[in-house]
């Protein structure tokens, strides 16, 4: 079971979006999931939402069981024959923060029956107001997450904190995250529209919450091996 998630936010090189999606959704996804320590991956594309959403149109969620080990293995594999990078990905804009999963709260009435693939998600990256770190965390851990998960159209809410292991130092721009999975994208976004900006003790100037819709199925290691064998 994954203990941590890595959110890789990226864009294609201008004029190479078709090749970017082909490469990322096949070659890179397979190579990444076959790297030791990586359990699974799934791709998403950003859609219009009611909040600030950043500059990245695509997101990959990688699942790790041991982030330190997995990141070390990925560093070895990167740009090697086991994981060649495509010029179709714009490396100047990629931003991959890694976050620990700290707590998961599900609404029992809407517990996902199929956990093999995530639905649409809202990735809230946030900072507490000045001096309000503990108050911000406690407001989420002591009922805030449950309140978010109980909103109409929302399936689950996970509180995430940054892991010590980072690929880039700028991954520390935001200190906390909440990953919200939506049972119904339109209803969930509507329910969250006014709630997210008003979260207690959040810095009103340092947060964003893009909405991402899945553009491919979640792939785990067994599936990646099967595909590799089929095409061998």
C-alpha atoms as a PDB file:
ATOM      1  CA  UNK A   1       0.000   0.000   0.000  1.00  0.00           C
ATOM      2  CA  UNK A   2       1.313   3.444  -0.903  1.00  0.00           C
ATOM      3  CA  UNK A   3       2.617   5.500   1.995  1.00  0.00           C
ATOM      4  CA  UNK A   4       3.314   8.570  -0.145  1.00  0.00           C
ATOM      5  CA  UNK A   5       2.224  10.205  -3.371  1.00  0.00           C
ATOM      6  CA  UNK A   6       4.223  12.278  -5.820  1.00  0.00           C
ATOM      7  CA  UNK A   7       2.404  14.869  -7.894  1.00  0.00           C
ATOM      8  CA  UNK A   8       4.352  15.680 -11.044  1.00  0.00           C
ATOM      9  CA  UNK A   9       2.972  18.814 -12.694  1.00  0.00           C
ATOM     10  CA  UNK A  10       4.125  19.382 -16.271  1.00  0.00           C
ATOM     11  CA  UNK A  11       3.438  20.777 -19.728  1.00  0.00           C
ATOM     12  CA  UNK A  12       4.348  19.661 -23.231  1.00  0.00           C
ATOM     13  CA  UNK A  13       6.974  21.404 -25.276  1.00  0.00           C
ATOM     14  CA  UNK A  14       5.112  23.884 -27.521  1.00  0.00           C
ATOM     15  CA  UNK A  15       3.904  22.140 -30.665  1.00  0.00           C
ATOM     16  CA  UNK A  16       4.565  18.636 -29.316  1.00  0.00           C
ATOM     17  CA  UNK A  17       1.452  17.913 -27.253  1.00  0.00           C
ATOM     18  CA  UNK A  18       0.428  14.849 -29.286  1.00  0.00           C
ATOM     19  CA  UNK A  19       3.829  13.209 -28.854  1.00  0.00           C
ATOM     20  CA  UNK A  20       3.950  14.304 -25.207  1.00  0.00           C
ATOM     21  CA  UNK A  21       0.691  12.507 -24.447  1.00  0.00           C
ATOM     22  CA  UNK A  22       1.702   9.414 -26.404  1.00  0.00           C
ATOM     23  CA  UNK A  23       5.062   9.184 -24.636  1.00  0.00           C
ATOM     24  CA  UNK A  24       3.816  10.068 -21.153  1.00  0.00           C
ATOM     25  CA  UNK A  25       0.784   7.786 -21.295  1.00  0.00           C
ATOM     26  CA  UNK A  26       2.692   4.761 -22.596  1.00  0.00           C
ATOM     27  CA  UNK A  27       6.504   4.655 -22.497  1.00  0.00           C
ATOM     28  CA  UNK A  28       7.105   6.883 -19.479  1.00  0.00           C
ATOM     29  CA  UNK A  29       4.221   5.512 -17.434  1.00  0.00           C
ATOM     30  CA  UNK A  30       5.403   1.938 -17.998  1.00  0.00           C
ATOM     31  CA  UNK A  31       9.054   2.767 -17.315  1.00  0.00           C
ATOM     32  CA  UNK A  32       8.140   4.693 -14.182  1.00  0.00           C
ATOM     33  CA  UNK A  33       5.921   1.968 -12.708  1.00  0.00           C
ATOM     34  CA  UNK A  34       8.602  -0.650 -13.413  1.00  0.00           C
ATOM     35  CA  UNK A  35      11.142   1.330 -11.361  1.00  0.00           C
ATOM     36  CA  UNK A  36      11.800  -0.324  -7.985  1.00  0.00           C
ATOM     37  CA  UNK A  37       9.821   1.341  -5.225  1.00  0.00           C
ATOM     38  CA  UNK A  38       7.124   2.759  -7.512  1.00  0.00           C
ATOM     39  CA  UNK A  39       3.779   1.017  -7.061  1.00  0.00           C
ATOM     40  CA  UNK A  40       1.515   2.708  -9.611  1.00  0.00           C
ATOM     41  CA  UNK A  41       0.844   5.826 -11.653  1.00  0.00           C
ATOM     42  CA  UNK A  42      -2.109   7.644 -13.186  1.00  0.00           C
ATOM     43  CA  UNK A  43      -2.340  10.703 -15.474  1.00  0.00           C
ATOM     44  CA  UNK A  44      -4.715  13.671 -15.314  1.00  0.00           C
ATOM     45  CA  UNK A  45      -5.456  16.816 -17.326  1.00  0.00           C
ATOM     46  CA  UNK A  46      -6.424  20.124 -15.752  1.00  0.00           C
ATOM     47  CA  UNK A  47      -9.963  21.402 -16.312  1.00  0.00           C
ATOM     48  CA  UNK A  48     -11.532  24.756 -15.531  1.00  0.00           C
ATOM     49  CA  UNK A  49     -12.188  25.327 -11.843  1.00  0.00           C
ATOM     50  CA  UNK A  50     -13.340  28.211  -9.641  1.00  0.00           C
ATOM     51  CA  UNK A  51      -9.985  28.779  -7.895  1.00  0.00           C
ATOM     52  CA  UNK A  52      -6.412  29.735  -8.838  1.00  0.00           C
ATOM     53  CA  UNK A  53      -5.038  26.714 -10.675  1.00  0.00           C
ATOM     54  CA  UNK A  54      -1.404  27.369 -11.590  1.00  0.00           C
ATOM     55  CA  UNK A  55       0.303  27.025 -14.968  1.00  0.00           C
ATOM     56  CA  UNK A  56       0.464  23.259 -15.476  1.00  0.00           C
ATOM     57  CA  UNK A  57      -2.037  21.467 -17.697  1.00  0.00           C
ATOM     58  CA  UNK A  58      -1.059  17.901 -16.793  1.00  0.00           C
ATOM     59  CA  UNK A  59      -0.487  15.952 -13.612  1.00  0.00           C
ATOM     60  CA  UNK A  60       0.853  12.499 -12.856  1.00  0.00           C
ATOM     61  CA  UNK A  61       0.207  10.856  -9.504  1.00  0.00           C
ATOM     62  CA  UNK A  62       2.934   8.341  -8.665  1.00  0.00           C
ATOM     63  CA  UNK A  63       2.444   6.025  -5.687  1.00  0.00           C
ATOM     64  CA  UNK A  64       5.425   5.004  -3.511  1.00  0.00           C
ATOM     65  CA  UNK A  65       5.806   2.690  -0.546  1.00  0.00           C
ATOM     66  CA  UNK A  66       9.229   4.098   0.401  1.00  0.00           C
ATOM     67  CA  UNK A  67       9.838   7.573  -1.051  1.00  0.00           C
ATOM     68  CA  UNK A  68      13.554   7.744  -0.221  1.00  0.00           C
ATOM     69  CA  UNK A  69      14.244   4.432  -1.959  1.00  0.00           C
ATOM     70  CA  UNK A  70      11.935   5.137  -4.895  1.00  0.00           C
ATOM     71  CA  UNK A  71      13.389   8.596  -5.554  1.00  0.00           C
ATOM     72  CA  UNK A  72      16.924   7.175  -5.426  1.00  0.00           C
ATOM     73  CA  UNK A  73      15.979   4.523  -7.979  1.00  0.00           C
ATOM     74  CA  UNK A  74      14.246   7.090 -10.187  1.00  0.00           C
ATOM     75  CA  UNK A  75      17.343   9.289 -10.097  1.00  0.00           C
ATOM     76  CA  UNK A  76      19.419   6.348 -11.353  1.00  0.00           C
ATOM     77  CA  UNK A  77      16.900   5.421 -14.059  1.00  0.00           C
ATOM     78  CA  UNK A  78      16.249   8.955 -15.352  1.00  0.00           C
ATOM     79  CA  UNK A  79      17.597   9.498 -18.862  1.00  0.00           C
ATOM     80  CA  UNK A  80      18.933   5.933 -18.945  1.00  0.00           C
ATOM     81  CA  UNK A  81      17.813   3.233 -21.414  1.00  0.00           C
ATOM     82  CA  UNK A  82      15.371   2.119 -18.699  1.00  0.00           C
ATOM     83  CA  UNK A  83      13.714   5.571 -18.626  1.00  0.00           C
ATOM     84  CA  UNK A  84      14.538   7.772 -21.610  1.00  0.00           C
ATOM     85  CA  UNK A  85      13.031  11.260 -21.452  1.00  0.00           C
ATOM     86  CA  UNK A  86      11.278  12.728 -24.458  1.00  0.00           C
ATOM     87  CA  UNK A  87      11.961  16.231 -25.795  1.00  0.00           C
ATOM     88  CA  UNK A  88       8.163  16.538 -25.929  1.00  0.00           C
ATOM     89  CA  UNK A  89       8.060  17.264 -22.186  1.00  0.00           C
ATOM     90  CA  UNK A  90       8.983  20.820 -21.239  1.00  0.00           C
ATOM     91  CA  UNK A  91      11.613  20.257 -18.553  1.00  0.00           C
ATOM     92  CA  UNK A  92      11.865  23.990 -17.898  1.00  0.00           C
ATOM     93  CA  UNK A  93       8.397  24.066 -16.351  1.00  0.00           C
ATOM     94  CA  UNK A  94       8.101  20.679 -14.629  1.00  0.00           C
ATOM     95  CA  UNK A  95       7.465  20.877 -10.865  1.00  0.00           C
ATOM     96  CA  UNK A  96       7.399  17.598  -8.908  1.00  0.00           C
ATOM     97  CA  UNK A  97       6.649  17.909  -5.186  1.00  0.00           C
ATOM     98  CA  UNK A  98       6.517  14.758  -3.065  1.00  0.00           C
ATOM     99  CA  UNK A  99       4.140  14.553  -0.121  1.00  0.00           C
ATOM    100  CA  UNK A 100       3.546  12.102   2.687  1.00  0.00           C
ATOM    101  CA  UNK A 101       0.059  10.810   3.118  1.00  0.00           C
ATOM    102  CA  UNK A 102      -0.839  11.701   6.680  1.00  0.00           C
ATOM    103  CA  UNK A 103      -4.546  10.972   7.017  1.00  0.00           C
ATOM    104  CA  UNK A 104      -7.414   9.698   4.938  1.00  0.00           C
ATOM    105  CA  UNK A 105     -11.070  10.337   5.742  1.00  0.00           C
ATOM    106  CA  UNK A 106     -13.838   8.670   3.769  1.00  0.00           C
ATOM    107  CA  UNK A 107     -17.545   9.295   3.953  1.00  0.00           C
ATOM    108  CA  UNK A 108     -18.919   5.841   4.720  1.00  0.00           C
ATOM    109  CA  UNK A 109     -21.981   6.424   2.548  1.00  0.00           C
ATOM    110  CA  UNK A 110     -19.784   7.162  -0.474  1.00  0.00           C
ATOM    111  CA  UNK A 111     -16.836   4.834   0.045  1.00  0.00           C
ATOM    112  CA  UNK A 112     -15.282   4.050  -3.337  1.00  0.00           C
ATOM    113  CA  UNK A 113     -16.215   0.560  -4.495  1.00  0.00           C
ATOM    114  CA  UNK A 114     -13.485   0.571  -7.156  1.00  0.00           C
ATOM    115  CA  UNK A 115     -10.153   1.827  -5.846  1.00  0.00           C
ATOM    116  CA  UNK A 116      -8.161   0.780  -8.914  1.00  0.00           C
ATOM    117  CA  UNK A 117      -8.542   4.184 -10.573  1.00  0.00           C
ATOM    118  CA  UNK A 118      -9.022   7.666  -9.185  1.00  0.00           C
ATOM    119  CA  UNK A 119     -11.814   9.866 -10.462  1.00  0.00           C
ATOM    120  CA  UNK A 120     -11.501  13.631 -10.886  1.00  0.00           C
ATOM    121  CA  UNK A 121      -9.486  15.253  -8.127  1.00  0.00           C
ATOM    122  CA  UNK A 122      -8.862  18.664  -6.622  1.00  0.00           C
ATOM    123  CA  UNK A 123      -5.269  19.148  -5.480  1.00  0.00           C
ATOM    124  CA  UNK A 124      -5.190  21.927  -2.896  1.00  0.00           C
ATOM    125  CA  UNK A 125      -1.644  23.154  -2.247  1.00  0.00           C
ATOM    126  CA  UNK A 126      -1.593  25.585   0.643  1.00  0.00           C
ATOM    127  CA  UNK A 127       0.326  27.430   3.305  1.00  0.00           C
ATOM    128  CA  UNK A 128      -0.944  28.397   6.747  1.00  0.00           C
ATOM    129  CA  UNK A 129      -1.324  32.027   7.699  1.00  0.00           C
ATOM    130  CA  UNK A 130       1.691  33.503   9.470  1.00  0.00           C
ATOM    131  CA  UNK A 131       2.217  31.711  12.771  1.00  0.00           C
ATOM    132  CA  UNK A 132      -0.818  29.462  12.279  1.00  0.00           C
ATOM    133  CA  UNK A 133       0.819  26.178  11.271  1.00  0.00           C
ATOM    134  CA  UNK A 134      -0.464  24.145  14.203  1.00  0.00           C
ATOM    135  CA  UNK A 135      -3.931  25.691  14.075  1.00  0.00           C
ATOM    136  CA  UNK A 136      -4.190  24.975  10.341  1.00  0.00           C
ATOM    137  CA  UNK A 137      -3.174  21.333  10.753  1.00  0.00           C
ATOM    138  CA  UNK A 138      -5.410  20.744  13.745  1.00  0.00           C
ATOM    139  CA  UNK A 139      -8.434  22.312  12.058  1.00  0.00           C
ATOM    140  CA  UNK A 140      -8.120  19.709   9.305  1.00  0.00           C
ATOM    141  CA  UNK A 141      -7.201  16.738  11.459  1.00  0.00           C
ATOM    142  CA  UNK A 142      -9.911  17.377  14.047  1.00  0.00           C
ATOM    143  CA  UNK A 143     -12.955  17.427  11.840  1.00  0.00           C
ATOM    144  CA  UNK A 144     -12.048  19.586   8.849  1.00  0.00           C
ATOM    145  CA  UNK A 145     -11.178  16.673   6.588  1.00  0.00           C
ATOM    146  CA  UNK A 146     -14.382  14.857   7.500  1.00  0.00           C
ATOM    147  CA  UNK A 147     -16.392  17.985   6.737  1.00  0.00           C
ATOM    148  CA  UNK A 148     -14.774  18.209   3.290  1.00  0.00           C
ATOM    149  CA  UNK A 149     -15.342  14.510   2.589  1.00  0.00           C
ATOM    150  CA  UNK A 150     -19.000  14.837   3.603  1.00  0.00           C
ATOM    151  CA  UNK A 151     -19.790  17.521   1.035  1.00  0.00           C
ATOM    152  CA  UNK A 152     -22.061  16.568  -1.858  1.00  0.00           C
ATOM    153  CA  UNK A 153     -20.103  15.121  -4.771  1.00  0.00           C
ATOM    154  CA  UNK A 154     -16.922  14.554  -2.731  1.00  0.00           C
ATOM    155  CA  UNK A 155     -15.693  11.017  -2.224  1.00  0.00           C
ATOM    156  CA  UNK A 156     -12.638  11.432   0.014  1.00  0.00           C
ATOM    157  CA  UNK A 157     -10.200  13.929   1.511  1.00  0.00           C
ATOM    158  CA  UNK A 158      -6.542  13.174   2.264  1.00  0.00           C
ATOM    159  CA  UNK A 159      -4.211  15.454   4.220  1.00  0.00           C
ATOM    160  CA  UNK A 160      -0.631  15.389   2.935  1.00  0.00           C
ATOM    161  CA  UNK A 161       2.604  16.829   4.240  1.00  0.00           C
ATOM    162  CA  UNK A 162       5.882  17.224   2.372  1.00  0.00           C
ATOM    163  CA  UNK A 163       8.343  14.364   2.578  1.00  0.00           C
ATOM    164  CA  UNK A 164      11.948  15.176   3.431  1.00  0.00           C
ATOM    165  CA  UNK A 165      13.018  13.614   0.131  1.00  0.00           C
ATOM    166  CA  UNK A 166      12.566  16.104  -2.700  1.00  0.00           C
ATOM    167  CA  UNK A 167      13.695  16.127  -6.300  1.00  0.00           C
ATOM    168  CA  UNK A 168      13.810  19.913  -6.396  1.00  0.00           C
ATOM    169  CA  UNK A 169      14.076  22.447  -3.616  1.00  0.00           C
ATOM    170  CA  UNK A 170      11.238  24.524  -5.066  1.00  0.00           C
ATOM    171  CA  UNK A 171       8.908  21.670  -4.152  1.00  0.00           C
ATOM    172  CA  UNK A 172       8.769  23.299  -0.718  1.00  0.00           C
ATOM    173  CA  UNK A 173       6.861  26.330  -2.011  1.00  0.00           C
ATOM    174  CA  UNK A 174       3.699  24.892  -0.451  1.00  0.00           C
ATOM    175  CA  UNK A 175       3.908  23.153   2.905  1.00  0.00           C
ATOM    176  CA  UNK A 176       0.657  21.184   2.922  1.00  0.00           C
ATOM    177  CA  UNK A 177      -1.793  19.590   0.534  1.00  0.00           C
ATOM    178  CA  UNK A 178      -5.292  18.186   0.574  1.00  0.00           C
ATOM    179  CA  UNK A 179      -6.188  15.712  -2.153  1.00  0.00           C
ATOM    180  CA  UNK A 180      -9.942  15.603  -2.729  1.00  0.00           C
ATOM    181  CA  UNK A 181     -11.384  12.880  -4.918  1.00  0.00           C
ATOM    182  CA  UNK A 182     -14.760  13.676  -6.449  1.00  0.00           C
ATOM    183  CA  UNK A 183     -17.558  11.155  -6.855  1.00  0.00           C
ATOM    184  CA  UNK A 184     -19.262  13.673  -9.138  1.00  0.00           C
ATOM    185  CA  UNK A 185     -16.988  16.347 -10.621  1.00  0.00           C
ATOM    186  CA  UNK A 186     -19.584  19.080 -11.166  1.00  0.00           C
ATOM    187  CA  UNK A 187     -21.338  18.553  -7.829  1.00  0.00           C
ATOM    188  CA  UNK A 188     -18.078  18.243  -5.922  1.00  0.00           C
ATOM    189  CA  UNK A 189     -16.567  21.415  -7.373  1.00  0.00           C
ATOM    190  CA  UNK A 190     -19.800  23.303  -6.688  1.00  0.00           C
ATOM    191  CA  UNK A 191     -19.805  22.099  -3.062  1.00  0.00           C
ATOM    192  CA  UNK A 192     -16.173  23.082  -2.560  1.00  0.00           C
ATOM    193  CA  UNK A 193     -16.281  26.411  -4.411  1.00  0.00           C
ATOM    194  CA  UNK A 194     -16.764  28.612  -1.347  1.00  0.00           C
ATOM    195  CA  UNK A 195     -15.464  26.190   1.268  1.00  0.00           C
ATOM    196  CA  UNK A 196     -11.854  25.877   0.100  1.00  0.00           C
ATOM    197  CA  UNK A 197     -11.013  29.623   0.086  1.00  0.00           C
ATOM    198  CA  UNK A 198     -12.485  29.921   3.582  1.00  0.00           C
ATOM    199  CA  UNK A 199     -10.516  27.088   5.229  1.00  0.00           C
ATOM    200  CA  UNK A 200      -9.549  28.192   8.748  1.00  0.00           C
ATOM    201  CA  UNK A 201      -6.005  29.513   9.208  1.00  0.00           C
ATOM    202  CA  UNK A 202      -5.030  29.210   5.519  1.00  0.00           C
ATOM    203  CA  UNK A 203      -2.937  31.986   3.988  1.00  0.00           C
ATOM    204  CA  UNK A 204      -5.351  33.714   1.622  1.00  0.00           C
ATOM    205  CA  UNK A 205      -2.530  34.693  -0.755  1.00  0.00           C
ATOM    206  CA  UNK A 206      -0.508  31.475  -0.929  1.00  0.00           C
ATOM    207  CA  UNK A 207      -2.623  28.600  -2.172  1.00  0.00           C
ATOM    208  CA  UNK A 208      -4.030  27.153  -5.363  1.00  0.00           C
ATOM    209  CA  UNK A 209      -6.420  24.329  -6.167  1.00  0.00           C
ATOM    210  CA  UNK A 210      -6.413  22.971  -9.714  1.00  0.00           C
ATOM    211  CA  UNK A 211      -9.082  20.493 -10.784  1.00  0.00           C
ATOM    212  CA  UNK A 212      -7.762  17.487 -12.694  1.00  0.00           C
ATOM    213  CA  UNK A 213      -9.717  14.913 -14.683  1.00  0.00           C
ATOM    214  CA  UNK A 214      -8.243  11.432 -15.364  1.00  0.00           C
ATOM    215  CA  UNK A 215      -7.067  10.900 -18.938  1.00  0.00           C
ATOM    216  CA  UNK A 216      -5.921   7.330 -18.502  1.00  0.00           C
ATOM    217  CA  UNK A 217      -6.299   4.358 -16.228  1.00  0.00           C
ATOM    218  CA  UNK A 218      -4.166   3.835 -13.160  1.00  0.00           C
ATOM    219  CA  UNK A 219      -1.346   1.424 -13.991  1.00  0.00           C
ATOM    220  CA  UNK A 220       0.309  -0.765 -11.377  1.00  0.00           C
ATOM    221  CA  UNK A 221       3.501  -2.809 -11.589  1.00  0.00           C
ATOM    222  CA  UNK A 222       1.778  -6.043 -12.613  1.00  0.00           C
ATOM    223  CA  UNK A 223      -0.037  -4.316 -15.474  1.00  0.00           C
ATOM    224  CA  UNK A 224       3.178  -2.646 -16.662  1.00  0.00           C
ATOM    225  CA  UNK A 225       5.006  -5.978 -16.677  1.00  0.00           C
ATOM    226  CA  UNK A 226       2.197  -7.600 -18.656  1.00  0.00           C
ATOM    227  CA  UNK A 227       2.322  -4.842 -21.290  1.00  0.00           C
ATOM    228  CA  UNK A 228       6.116  -5.070 -21.511  1.00  0.00           C
ATOM    229  CA  UNK A 229       5.949  -8.858 -21.965  1.00  0.00           C
ATOM    230  CA  UNK A 230       3.230  -8.542 -24.613  1.00  0.00           C
ATOM    231  CA  UNK A 231       5.385  -6.152 -26.663  1.00  0.00           C
ATOM    232  CA  UNK A 232       8.673  -7.945 -26.113  1.00  0.00           C
END
